[in-house]
Amino acid sequence: MSKLEGKVAVISGAARGQGRAHAVAMAREGATVVAFDICEPLKTPLHPGATIEQLDETVELVRKEGQECLSAKVDARDLTELEALAKRVMSTYGRIDILVINHGIWTIGESTWALDEASWQESIDVNLTGAWKVAKAFVPRIIDGQQGGSVILTASVNGLKAQPCAPAYTATKHGVIGLMKTLAWELGEHSIRVNAICPGAIATDMTQKGGTVEKSLEYTPRFFSTDRSLLPAGWVPPETVAKTAVFLASDDSEHITGVALPVDAGWTNY
């Protein structure tokens, strides 16, 4: 039997990158997938925004694994849209077992004090407030199912260690870990596990397109020119992170909650 047979997994930021990898990996293990994304560019990141065509491709990849996929163009900052989607999921499938709060943006500035207000605010709204809103919309549905479940938040190694020139990203990802720990306390009595994944150098559009890495290297060469990985991994494919997400979603992690788990080739040990 597959690890997630009969489960329904809701994934934000699912149009591409880690979100898509999570969707495909969970479908491969038997889960029905609900994939949503904003599918439009945001104002302040250098990296490009996801598109509706990318979300459609995620749907097709899930279906190739033999699983259903309900998709929606939804902004994680819009609680009304999120609650409407949660209602739609329940009317369609009658349950939610897994919630992966994965969406996010990465913005940078030459320094904390040089970062413009719009960049700071958009990061807070998307990465942190958006994570809370996704949880607010979907977690009560998992509780109502009375079957337990798993909530997984995508944080970052920058939720454990600071990145100079990325004050908003660093602050929001630290905040995501705090949100995860609070939810773990609150949801334990409902047999719902809550954990965070802290990815390192993952090869996605966020890191490989738009020039954010290159600009960061220009701003803080001391930080970015030092190889902190303990394994000869280079840029890690998002499918590696998805294996961790499947583990945390499955009964293999039945007694693991409140953990911020790095998937970083040892970077945070430096």
Protein backbone atom coordinates (compact mmCIF):
# COMPACT_ATOMS: atom_id res chain seq x y z
CA MET A 1 0.00 0.00 0.00
CA SER A 2 1.24 3.49 -0.84
CA LYS A 3 2.21 5.76 2.05
CA LEU A 4 -0.53 8.34 1.41
CA GLU A 5 -3.28 6.14 -0.02
CA GLY A 6 -6.71 7.74 0.40
CA LYS A 7 -5.32 11.03 1.75
CA VAL A 8 -6.13 14.51 0.44
CA ALA A 9 -3.16 16.90 0.30
CA VAL A 10 -3.56 20.67 -0.12
CA ILE A 11 -0.42 22.45 -1.36
CA SER A 12 0.16 26.20 -1.75
CA GLY A 13 2.68 27.53 -4.24
CA ALA A 14 2.16 24.38 -6.29
CA ALA A 15 2.62 25.74 -9.80
CA ARG A 16 6.35 25.01 -9.94
CA GLY A 17 9.49 24.30 -7.97
CA GLN A 18 9.17 22.69 -4.55
CA GLY A 19 5.37 22.91 -4.55
CA ARG A 20 5.13 21.00 -7.80
CA ALA A 21 7.63 18.42 -6.58
CA HIS A 22 5.56 17.92 -3.42
CA ALA A 23 2.38 17.50 -5.46
CA VAL A 24 3.88 14.90 -7.77
CA ALA A 25 5.63 12.98 -4.98
CA MET A 26 2.49 12.84 -2.85
CA ALA A 27 0.40 11.74 -5.82
CA ARG A 28 2.92 8.99 -6.48
CA GLU A 29 2.28 7.79 -2.92
CA GLY A 30 -1.49 7.71 -3.47
CA ALA A 31 -2.70 11.14 -2.37
CA THR A 32 -5.37 13.21 -4.07
CA VAL A 33 -3.86 16.66 -4.60
CA VAL A 34 -5.27 20.17 -4.32
CA ALA A 35 -2.78 22.54 -5.96
CA PHE A 36 -3.06 26.31 -5.80
CA ASP A 37 -0.87 29.29 -6.61
CA ILE A 38 -1.18 33.02 -7.24
CA CYS A 39 -0.13 32.52 -10.89
CA GLU A 40 1.00 36.10 -11.44
CA PRO A 41 4.14 38.16 -10.77
CA LEU A 42 4.62 39.99 -7.51
CA LYS A 43 6.02 43.50 -7.30
CA THR A 44 9.34 43.30 -5.47
CA PRO A 45 11.20 39.98 -6.09
CA LEU A 46 13.74 39.73 -8.89
CA HIS A 47 12.66 36.17 -9.65
CA PRO A 48 9.67 35.67 -11.97
CA GLY A 49 6.19 34.80 -10.74
CA ALA A 50 4.41 31.53 -11.38
CA THR A 51 1.98 31.25 -14.28
CA ILE A 52 -1.35 29.54 -14.86
CA GLU A 53 0.36 27.44 -17.54
CA GLN A 54 2.80 26.14 -14.92
CA LEU A 55 -0.08 25.28 -12.59
CA ASP A 56 -1.81 23.42 -15.42
CA GLU A 57 1.40 21.48 -15.99
CA THR A 58 1.47 20.50 -12.31
CA VAL A 59 -2.07 19.18 -12.69
CA GLU A 60 -1.08 17.07 -15.68
CA LEU A 61 1.96 15.67 -13.86
CA VAL A 62 -0.21 14.67 -10.89
CA ARG A 63 -2.72 13.00 -13.19
CA LYS A 64 0.07 11.07 -14.87
CA GLU A 65 0.66 9.52 -11.45
CA GLY A 66 -2.94 8.26 -11.58
CA GLN A 67 -4.35 10.71 -9.03
CA GLU A 68 -6.97 13.43 -9.08
CA CYS A 69 -5.84 17.05 -8.92
CA LEU A 70 -8.06 20.00 -8.14
CA SER A 71 -6.32 23.27 -8.99
CA ALA A 72 -7.11 26.92 -8.31
CA LYS A 73 -5.63 30.35 -8.91
CA VAL A 74 -5.64 31.70 -5.36
CA ASP A 75 -3.56 34.37 -3.62
CA ALA A 76 -2.40 33.23 -0.17
CA ARG A 77 -2.93 36.80 1.06
CA ASP A 78 -6.67 36.62 0.35
CA LEU A 79 -8.45 34.89 3.23
CA THR A 80 -11.82 35.00 1.47
CA GLU A 81 -10.43 33.14 -1.54
CA LEU A 82 -8.69 30.61 0.71
CA GLU A 83 -11.83 29.87 2.71
CA ALA A 84 -13.81 29.47 -0.51
CA LEU A 85 -11.23 26.96 -1.75
CA ALA A 86 -11.32 25.08 1.56
CA LYS A 87 -15.10 24.84 1.28
CA ARG A 88 -14.77 23.60 -2.31
CA VAL A 89 -12.27 20.93 -1.28
CA MET A 90 -14.54 19.66 1.46
CA SER A 91 -17.58 19.57 -0.82
CA THR A 92 -15.56 17.68 -3.45
CA TYR A 93 -13.56 15.24 -1.32
CA GLY A 94 -15.05 15.46 2.16
CA ARG A 95 -11.71 15.59 3.94
CA ILE A 96 -8.28 17.21 4.19
CA ASP A 97 -5.43 15.18 5.69
CA ILE A 98 -2.27 17.02 4.64
CA LEU A 99 -1.58 20.73 4.36
CA VAL A 100 1.67 21.93 2.80
CA ILE A 101 2.13 25.69 3.24
CA ASN A 102 4.84 26.13 0.65
CA HIS A 103 4.40 29.45 -1.17
CA GLY A 104 6.92 32.27 -0.76
CA ILE A 105 9.09 34.98 -2.27
CA TRP A 106 12.73 35.96 -1.77
CA THR A 107 13.58 39.64 -1.77
CA ILE A 108 16.92 41.32 -1.11
CA GLY A 109 18.45 44.75 -0.58
CA GLU A 110 21.95 46.07 -0.09
CA SER A 111 21.34 46.19 3.67
CA THR A 112 18.50 46.07 6.19
CA TRP A 113 18.25 49.86 6.26
CA ALA A 114 18.53 50.16 2.47
CA LEU A 115 15.65 47.75 1.80
CA ASP A 116 12.61 49.66 0.58
CA GLU A 117 9.36 49.51 2.50
CA ALA A 118 7.41 47.89 -0.34
CA SER A 119 9.83 44.97 -0.46
CA TRP A 120 9.65 44.46 3.30
CA GLN A 121 5.86 44.64 3.40
CA GLU A 122 5.26 42.34 0.44
CA SER A 123 7.53 39.71 1.97
CA ILE A 124 5.74 39.91 5.30
CA ASP A 125 2.34 39.72 3.61
CA VAL A 126 3.21 36.75 1.38
CA ASN A 127 5.63 34.67 3.43
CA LEU A 128 4.33 35.11 6.96
CA THR A 129 0.82 36.54 6.98
CA GLY A 130 0.00 34.39 3.95
CA ALA A 131 1.21 31.28 5.77
CA TRP A 132 -1.02 32.14 8.73
CA LYS A 133 -4.02 32.73 6.45
CA VAL A 134 -3.55 29.37 4.70
CA ALA A 135 -3.41 27.69 8.10
CA LYS A 136 -6.48 29.62 9.30
CA ALA A 137 -8.49 28.53 6.26
CA PHE A 138 -7.52 24.85 6.11
CA VAL A 139 -6.47 23.65 9.58
CA PRO A 140 -10.04 23.69 10.99
CA ARG A 141 -11.05 21.31 8.19
CA ILE A 142 -8.37 18.84 9.24
CA ILE A 143 -9.56 19.09 12.85
CA ASP A 144 -13.17 18.52 11.76
CA GLY A 145 -12.13 15.25 10.11
CA GLN A 146 -11.14 13.82 13.51
CA GLN A 147 -8.61 11.54 11.79
CA GLY A 148 -5.43 13.43 12.66
CA GLY A 149 -3.17 14.71 9.91
CA SER A 150 -0.01 16.54 9.01
CA VAL A 151 0.76 20.23 8.43
CA ILE A 152 4.08 21.02 6.77
CA LEU A 153 5.43 24.55 6.41
CA THR A 154 8.25 25.49 4.06
CA ALA A 155 10.67 27.62 6.03
CA SER A 156 14.33 27.92 4.95
CA VAL A 157 17.84 27.57 6.27
CA ASN A 158 17.42 31.34 6.60
CA GLY A 159 14.79 30.59 9.22
CA LEU A 160 17.63 29.11 11.27
CA LYS A 161 20.50 31.37 10.25
CA ALA A 162 20.47 34.90 8.92
CA GLN A 163 21.19 35.92 5.36
CA PRO A 164 22.71 39.40 5.15
CA CYS A 165 20.96 41.52 2.49
CA ALA A 166 17.74 39.52 2.94
CA PRO A 167 16.26 40.95 6.17
CA ALA A 168 12.62 40.43 5.18
CA TYR A 169 13.16 36.88 3.97
CA THR A 170 15.18 36.00 7.06
CA ALA A 171 12.61 37.54 9.41
CA THR A 172 9.63 35.89 7.72
CA LYS A 173 11.22 32.45 7.66
CA HIS A 174 12.12 32.73 11.34
CA GLY A 175 8.47 33.68 11.82
CA VAL A 176 7.26 30.65 9.89
CA ILE A 177 9.17 28.42 12.30
CA GLY A 178 7.56 30.22 15.23
CA LEU A 179 4.15 29.73 13.64
CA MET A 180 4.92 26.04 13.16
CA LYS A 181 5.89 25.59 16.81
CA THR A 182 2.72 27.31 18.00
CA LEU A 183 0.54 25.16 15.74
CA ALA A 184 2.33 22.03 16.95
CA TRP A 185 1.36 22.89 20.53
CA GLU A 186 -2.24 23.63 19.61
CA LEU A 187 -2.87 20.72 17.24
CA GLY A 188 -1.20 17.91 19.17
CA GLU A 189 -4.39 17.09 21.06
CA HIS A 190 -6.06 16.52 17.68
CA SER A 191 -3.32 14.08 16.58
CA ILE A 192 -2.21 16.57 13.92
CA ARG A 193 1.54 16.81 13.49
CA VAL A 194 3.08 20.14 12.48
CA ASN A 195 6.63 20.48 11.17
CA ALA A 196 8.73 22.77 9.00
CA ILE A 197 11.18 21.93 6.26
CA CYS A 198 14.20 24.23 5.99
CA PRO A 199 15.57 23.88 2.46
CA GLY A 200 19.07 25.00 1.54
CA ALA A 201 20.31 25.66 -1.98
CA ILE A 202 17.44 24.26 -4.04
CA ALA A 203 17.36 24.57 -7.84
CA THR A 204 14.08 26.36 -8.56
CA ASP A 205 13.01 29.44 -10.52
CA MET A 206 13.43 31.45 -7.31
CA THR A 207 17.16 30.72 -7.22
CA GLN A 208 17.99 30.10 -10.88
CA LYS A 209 16.09 32.93 -12.61
CA GLY A 210 15.97 36.68 -12.11
CA GLY A 211 19.44 37.19 -10.69
CA THR A 212 18.71 37.14 -6.94
CA VAL A 213 21.67 34.87 -6.19
CA GLU A 214 23.99 36.96 -8.37
CA LYS A 215 22.87 40.22 -6.76
CA SER A 216 23.23 38.71 -3.30
CA LEU A 217 26.78 37.70 -4.15
CA GLU A 218 27.45 41.27 -5.23
CA TYR A 219 26.02 42.68 -2.00
CA THR A 220 27.64 40.23 0.45
CA PRO A 221 30.47 38.26 -1.20
CA ARG A 222 31.84 37.13 2.17
CA PHE A 223 28.60 35.24 2.88
CA PHE A 224 27.91 33.81 -0.56
CA SER A 225 31.45 32.94 -1.61
CA THR A 226 31.88 30.55 1.32
CA ASP A 227 30.79 26.97 0.65
CA ARG A 228 28.97 25.82 3.78
CA SER A 229 27.73 22.47 2.45
CA LEU A 230 29.20 19.40 4.14
CA LEU A 231 28.13 17.15 1.27
CA PRO A 232 29.19 17.62 -2.36
CA ALA A 233 25.61 18.36 -3.34
CA GLY A 234 25.69 21.61 -5.30
CA TRP A 235 22.23 22.88 -6.18
CA VAL A 236 19.79 20.32 -4.80
CA PRO A 237 16.76 19.34 -6.93
CA PRO A 238 13.34 20.10 -5.44
CA GLU A 239 12.49 16.41 -5.61
CA THR A 240 14.91 15.87 -2.72
CA VAL A 241 12.85 18.21 -0.55
CA ALA A 242 9.67 16.44 -1.69
CA LYS A 243 10.96 13.15 -0.26
CA THR A 244 11.12 14.86 3.13
CA ALA A 245 7.62 16.26 2.68
CA VAL A 246 6.26 12.78 1.93
CA PHE A 247 7.98 11.43 5.04
CA LEU A 248 6.46 14.15 7.23
CA ALA A 249 3.03 13.64 5.64
CA SER A 250 3.07 9.88 6.15
CA ASP A 251 2.71 7.64 9.18
CA ASP A 252 6.47 7.11 9.03
CA SER A 253 6.69 10.33 11.05
CA GLU A 254 3.81 9.52 13.39
CA HIS A 255 5.60 10.76 16.50
CA ILE A 256 7.44 13.72 14.99
CA THR A 257 6.02 17.19 15.56
CA GLY A 258 7.33 20.68 16.27
CA VAL A 259 10.53 20.08 14.29
CA ALA A 260 12.32 22.44 11.88
CA LEU A 261 14.15 19.96 9.65
CA PRO A 262 16.99 21.23 7.45
CA VAL A 263 17.37 19.73 3.97
CA ASP A 264 20.57 21.57 3.22
CA ALA A 265 23.51 19.17 2.71
CA GLY A 266 24.74 20.19 6.16
CA TRP A 267 24.79 23.95 5.48
CA THR A 268 23.41 24.94 8.89
CA ASN A 269 26.20 23.05 10.65
CA TYR A 270 28.80 25.47 9.30
